[in-house]
Amino acid sequence: MLWSVWWVWLSGALALATLEVIVPGYIFLGFAAGAGSLAMILLIVPITSMPMILVMFAVLSLVAYLAMRRVFGLPGEKPKVWDRDIND
């Protein structure tokens, strides 16, 4: 089955990361990180159940998206504005 082959998920991660460069927004980057993580897991542990693979992909993508949202900030956040000069 093609879904359980690790290099298929790794090439999908590469395609999603390329799509992220074309359409920025950190949306496809979470899916790319999930697919890349799943490829590394499938390289170590062969899993043949397609529903299990898809659930793992969804969970890994969600975790990656939430981690990037925490690191890169929430949409709509503004940079801090300094009211007072440090040299005054």
N, C-alpha and C. Protein backbone atom coordinates (compact mmCIF):
# COMPACT_ATOMS: atom_id res chain seq x y z
N MET A 1 0.84 -1.17 0.00
CA MET A 1 0.00 0.00 0.00
C MET A 1 0.89 1.24 0.00
N LEU A 2 0.56 2.19 -0.82
CA LEU A 2 1.40 3.37 -1.01
C LEU A 2 1.36 4.31 0.20
N TRP A 3 0.27 4.31 0.97
CA TRP A 3 0.16 5.20 2.12
C TRP A 3 1.13 4.85 3.24
N SER A 4 1.60 3.62 3.28
CA SER A 4 2.46 3.20 4.38
C SER A 4 3.94 3.28 4.04
N VAL A 5 4.29 3.86 2.90
CA VAL A 5 5.68 4.00 2.50
C VAL A 5 6.20 5.35 2.96
N TRP A 6 7.35 5.36 3.62
CA TRP A 6 7.85 6.58 4.25
C TRP A 6 8.23 7.66 3.25
N TRP A 7 8.77 7.28 2.10
CA TRP A 7 9.23 8.30 1.17
C TRP A 7 8.08 9.03 0.49
N VAL A 8 6.91 8.41 0.46
CA VAL A 8 5.73 9.09 -0.08
C VAL A 8 5.36 10.27 0.83
N TRP A 9 5.40 10.04 2.13
CA TRP A 9 5.10 11.11 3.08
C TRP A 9 6.18 12.18 3.09
N LEU A 10 7.43 11.77 2.90
CA LEU A 10 8.51 12.74 2.86
C LEU A 10 8.43 13.61 1.60
N SER A 11 8.07 13.03 0.47
CA SER A 11 7.90 13.84 -0.74
C SER A 11 6.66 14.73 -0.62
N GLY A 12 5.64 14.27 0.07
CA GLY A 12 4.48 15.12 0.35
C GLY A 12 4.84 16.29 1.25
N ALA A 13 5.72 16.04 2.23
CA ALA A 13 6.18 17.11 3.10
C ALA A 13 6.97 18.15 2.31
N LEU A 14 7.79 17.68 1.39
CA LEU A 14 8.55 18.60 0.55
C LEU A 14 7.63 19.42 -0.35
N ALA A 15 6.61 18.80 -0.90
CA ALA A 15 5.65 19.53 -1.74
C ALA A 15 4.87 20.56 -0.93
N LEU A 16 4.48 20.21 0.29
CA LEU A 16 3.76 21.16 1.14
C LEU A 16 4.66 22.29 1.60
N ALA A 17 5.92 22.01 1.87
CA ALA A 17 6.85 23.07 2.25
C ALA A 17 7.09 24.02 1.08
N THR A 18 7.16 23.49 -0.12
CA THR A 18 7.30 24.33 -1.31
C THR A 18 6.05 25.18 -1.50
N LEU A 19 4.90 24.61 -1.28
CA LEU A 19 3.66 25.37 -1.38
C LEU A 19 3.59 26.47 -0.33
N GLU A 20 4.17 26.23 0.82
CA GLU A 20 4.22 27.26 1.87
C GLU A 20 5.05 28.46 1.44
N VAL A 21 6.11 28.22 0.69
CA VAL A 21 6.93 29.32 0.19
C VAL A 21 6.14 30.16 -0.81
N ILE A 22 5.32 29.50 -1.61
CA ILE A 22 4.54 30.22 -2.62
C ILE A 22 3.37 30.96 -1.97
N VAL A 23 2.68 30.31 -1.02
CA VAL A 23 1.52 30.89 -0.35
C VAL A 23 1.83 30.97 1.15
N PRO A 24 2.42 32.08 1.62
CA PRO A 24 2.82 32.15 3.03
C PRO A 24 1.62 32.24 3.97
N GLY A 25 1.86 31.88 5.21
CA GLY A 25 0.81 31.96 6.21
C GLY A 25 0.94 30.92 7.30
N TYR A 26 1.96 30.10 7.28
CA TYR A 26 2.22 29.06 8.26
C TYR A 26 1.14 27.99 8.30
N ILE A 27 0.28 27.90 7.29
CA ILE A 27 -0.74 26.86 7.27
C ILE A 27 -0.15 25.57 6.73
N PHE A 28 0.44 25.63 5.55
CA PHE A 28 0.98 24.43 4.93
C PHE A 28 2.24 23.95 5.63
N LEU A 29 2.91 24.83 6.36
CA LEU A 29 4.13 24.44 7.07
C LEU A 29 3.82 23.45 8.20
N GLY A 30 2.68 23.61 8.84
CA GLY A 30 2.26 22.66 9.87
C GLY A 30 1.98 21.28 9.29
N PHE A 31 1.32 21.27 8.12
CA PHE A 31 1.07 20.00 7.44
C PHE A 31 2.38 19.37 6.95
N ALA A 32 3.31 20.21 6.49
CA ALA A 32 4.60 19.69 6.03
C ALA A 32 5.38 19.08 7.19
N ALA A 33 5.35 19.74 8.34
CA ALA A 33 6.04 19.19 9.51
C ALA A 33 5.38 17.89 9.97
N GLY A 34 4.06 17.84 9.91
CA GLY A 34 3.35 16.60 10.26
C GLY A 34 3.69 15.46 9.32
N ALA A 35 3.74 15.76 8.03
CA ALA A 35 4.08 14.71 7.05
C ALA A 35 5.53 14.27 7.20
N GLY A 36 6.42 15.21 7.46
CA GLY A 36 7.83 14.85 7.67
C GLY A 36 8.03 14.02 8.92
N SER A 37 7.33 14.38 9.99
CA SER A 37 7.42 13.59 11.23
C SER A 37 6.85 12.19 11.04
N LEU A 38 5.75 12.11 10.30
CA LEU A 38 5.16 10.80 10.03
C LEU A 38 6.08 9.95 9.16
N ALA A 39 6.80 10.59 8.23
CA ALA A 39 7.75 9.85 7.40
C ALA A 39 8.85 9.25 8.26
N MET A 40 9.33 10.00 9.25
CA MET A 40 10.38 9.48 10.13
C MET A 40 9.84 8.34 11.00
N ILE A 41 8.59 8.46 11.43
CA ILE A 41 7.99 7.38 12.23
C ILE A 41 7.82 6.12 11.38
N LEU A 42 7.34 6.30 10.13
CA LEU A 42 7.15 5.14 9.26
C LEU A 42 8.47 4.51 8.83
N LEU A 43 9.53 5.29 8.84
CA LEU A 43 10.85 4.73 8.54
C LEU A 43 11.29 3.76 9.63
N ILE A 44 10.92 4.07 10.87
CA ILE A 44 11.32 3.23 12.01
C ILE A 44 10.31 2.11 12.27
N VAL A 45 9.02 2.47 12.30
CA VAL A 45 7.96 1.52 12.64
C VAL A 45 7.03 1.36 11.44
N PRO A 46 7.00 0.21 10.80
CA PRO A 46 6.08 0.03 9.66
C PRO A 46 4.63 -0.12 10.15
N ILE A 47 3.78 0.78 9.70
CA ILE A 47 2.36 0.74 10.06
C ILE A 47 1.58 0.58 8.76
N THR A 48 0.67 -0.40 8.72
CA THR A 48 -0.07 -0.67 7.48
C THR A 48 -1.52 -0.20 7.55
N SER A 49 -1.98 0.20 8.72
CA SER A 49 -3.37 0.63 8.87
C SER A 49 -3.52 2.07 8.39
N MET A 50 -4.27 2.25 7.30
CA MET A 50 -4.45 3.59 6.74
C MET A 50 -5.16 4.54 7.69
N PRO A 51 -6.24 4.13 8.40
CA PRO A 51 -6.85 5.06 9.35
C PRO A 51 -5.89 5.49 10.46
N MET A 52 -5.05 4.58 10.93
CA MET A 52 -4.08 4.93 11.97
C MET A 52 -3.05 5.92 11.44
N ILE A 53 -2.61 5.74 10.21
CA ILE A 53 -1.64 6.65 9.60
C ILE A 53 -2.25 8.04 9.45
N LEU A 54 -3.50 8.12 9.02
CA LEU A 54 -4.15 9.41 8.83
C LEU A 54 -4.40 10.12 10.17
N VAL A 55 -4.75 9.35 11.20
CA VAL A 55 -4.92 9.95 12.52
C VAL A 55 -3.60 10.48 13.05
N MET A 56 -2.53 9.71 12.85
CA MET A 56 -1.21 10.17 13.29
C MET A 56 -0.79 11.43 12.53
N PHE A 57 -1.08 11.48 11.23
CA PHE A 57 -0.76 12.66 10.44
C PHE A 57 -1.53 13.88 10.95
N ALA A 58 -2.80 13.70 11.26
CA ALA A 58 -3.62 14.81 11.76
C ALA A 58 -3.11 15.30 13.11
N VAL A 59 -2.78 14.39 14.00
CA VAL A 59 -2.30 14.79 15.33
C VAL A 59 -0.93 15.47 15.23
N LEU A 60 -0.02 14.90 14.44
CA LEU A 60 1.30 15.51 14.29
C LEU A 60 1.22 16.88 13.62
N SER A 61 0.34 17.04 12.66
CA SER A 61 0.16 18.33 12.00
C SER A 61 -0.42 19.37 12.96
N LEU A 62 -1.37 18.96 13.78
CA LEU A 62 -1.95 19.87 14.76
C LEU A 62 -0.92 20.31 15.78
N VAL A 63 -0.13 19.38 16.27
CA VAL A 63 0.92 19.71 17.24
C VAL A 63 1.94 20.65 16.62
N ALA A 64 2.33 20.39 15.38
CA ALA A 64 3.30 21.26 14.71
C ALA A 64 2.72 22.65 14.48
N TYR A 65 1.45 22.73 14.08
CA TYR A 65 0.82 24.02 13.85
C TYR A 65 0.72 24.82 15.15
N LEU A 66 0.32 24.17 16.23
CA LEU A 66 0.21 24.87 17.51
C LEU A 66 1.58 25.32 18.03
N ALA A 67 2.60 24.50 17.81
CA ALA A 67 3.95 24.89 18.22
C ALA A 67 4.44 26.09 17.42
N MET A 68 4.18 26.09 16.12
CA MET A 68 4.60 27.24 15.30
C MET A 68 3.79 28.49 15.63
N ARG A 69 2.54 28.30 15.96
CA ARG A 69 1.73 29.46 16.35
C ARG A 69 2.26 30.07 17.64
N ARG A 70 2.72 29.22 18.54
CA ARG A 70 3.28 29.71 19.80
C ARG A 70 4.62 30.40 19.57
N VAL A 71 5.43 29.86 18.67
CA VAL A 71 6.75 30.43 18.41
C VAL A 71 6.66 31.70 17.57
N PHE A 72 5.89 31.66 16.50
CA PHE A 72 5.83 32.79 15.58
C PHE A 72 4.79 33.83 15.96
N GLY A 73 3.95 33.55 16.93
CA GLY A 73 2.96 34.52 17.38
C GLY A 73 1.60 34.32 16.76
N LEU A 74 0.62 34.91 17.40
CA LEU A 74 -0.75 34.81 16.92
C LEU A 74 -1.01 35.84 15.83
N PRO A 75 -1.90 35.54 14.90
CA PRO A 75 -2.24 36.53 13.89
C PRO A 75 -2.91 37.74 14.54
N GLY A 76 -2.52 38.91 14.13
CA GLY A 76 -3.10 40.12 14.68
C GLY A 76 -2.31 40.72 15.82
N GLU A 77 -1.29 40.04 16.31
CA GLU A 77 -0.44 40.63 17.34
C GLU A 77 0.38 41.74 16.72
N LYS A 78 0.57 42.77 17.48
CA LYS A 78 1.34 43.91 16.99
C LYS A 78 2.64 44.00 17.75
N PRO A 79 3.67 44.58 17.13
CA PRO A 79 4.93 44.73 17.84
C PRO A 79 4.80 45.72 18.99
N LYS A 80 5.63 45.54 19.99
CA LYS A 80 5.60 46.41 21.16
C LYS A 80 6.11 47.78 20.78
N VAL A 81 5.39 48.81 21.21
CA VAL A 81 5.77 50.18 20.94
C VAL A 81 6.31 50.78 22.25
N TRP A 82 7.50 51.35 22.16
CA TRP A 82 8.13 51.94 23.33
C TRP A 82 7.68 53.39 23.46
N ASP A 83 7.16 53.77 24.61
CA ASP A 83 6.70 55.13 24.85
C ASP A 83 7.82 56.03 25.35
N ARG A 84 8.82 55.44 25.96
CA ARG A 84 9.88 56.22 26.59
C ARG A 84 11.21 55.75 26.06
N ASP A 85 12.13 56.69 25.84
CA ASP A 85 13.45 56.35 25.33
C ASP A 85 14.31 55.85 26.49
N ILE A 86 15.11 54.86 26.23
CA ILE A 86 15.96 54.29 27.28
C ILE A 86 17.06 55.27 27.72
N ASN A 87 17.41 56.22 26.85
CA ASN A 87 18.49 57.15 27.17
C ASN A 87 17.99 58.40 27.91
N ASP A 88 16.69 58.53 28.11
CA ASP A 88 16.18 59.70 28.83
C ASP A 88 16.31 59.56 30.32
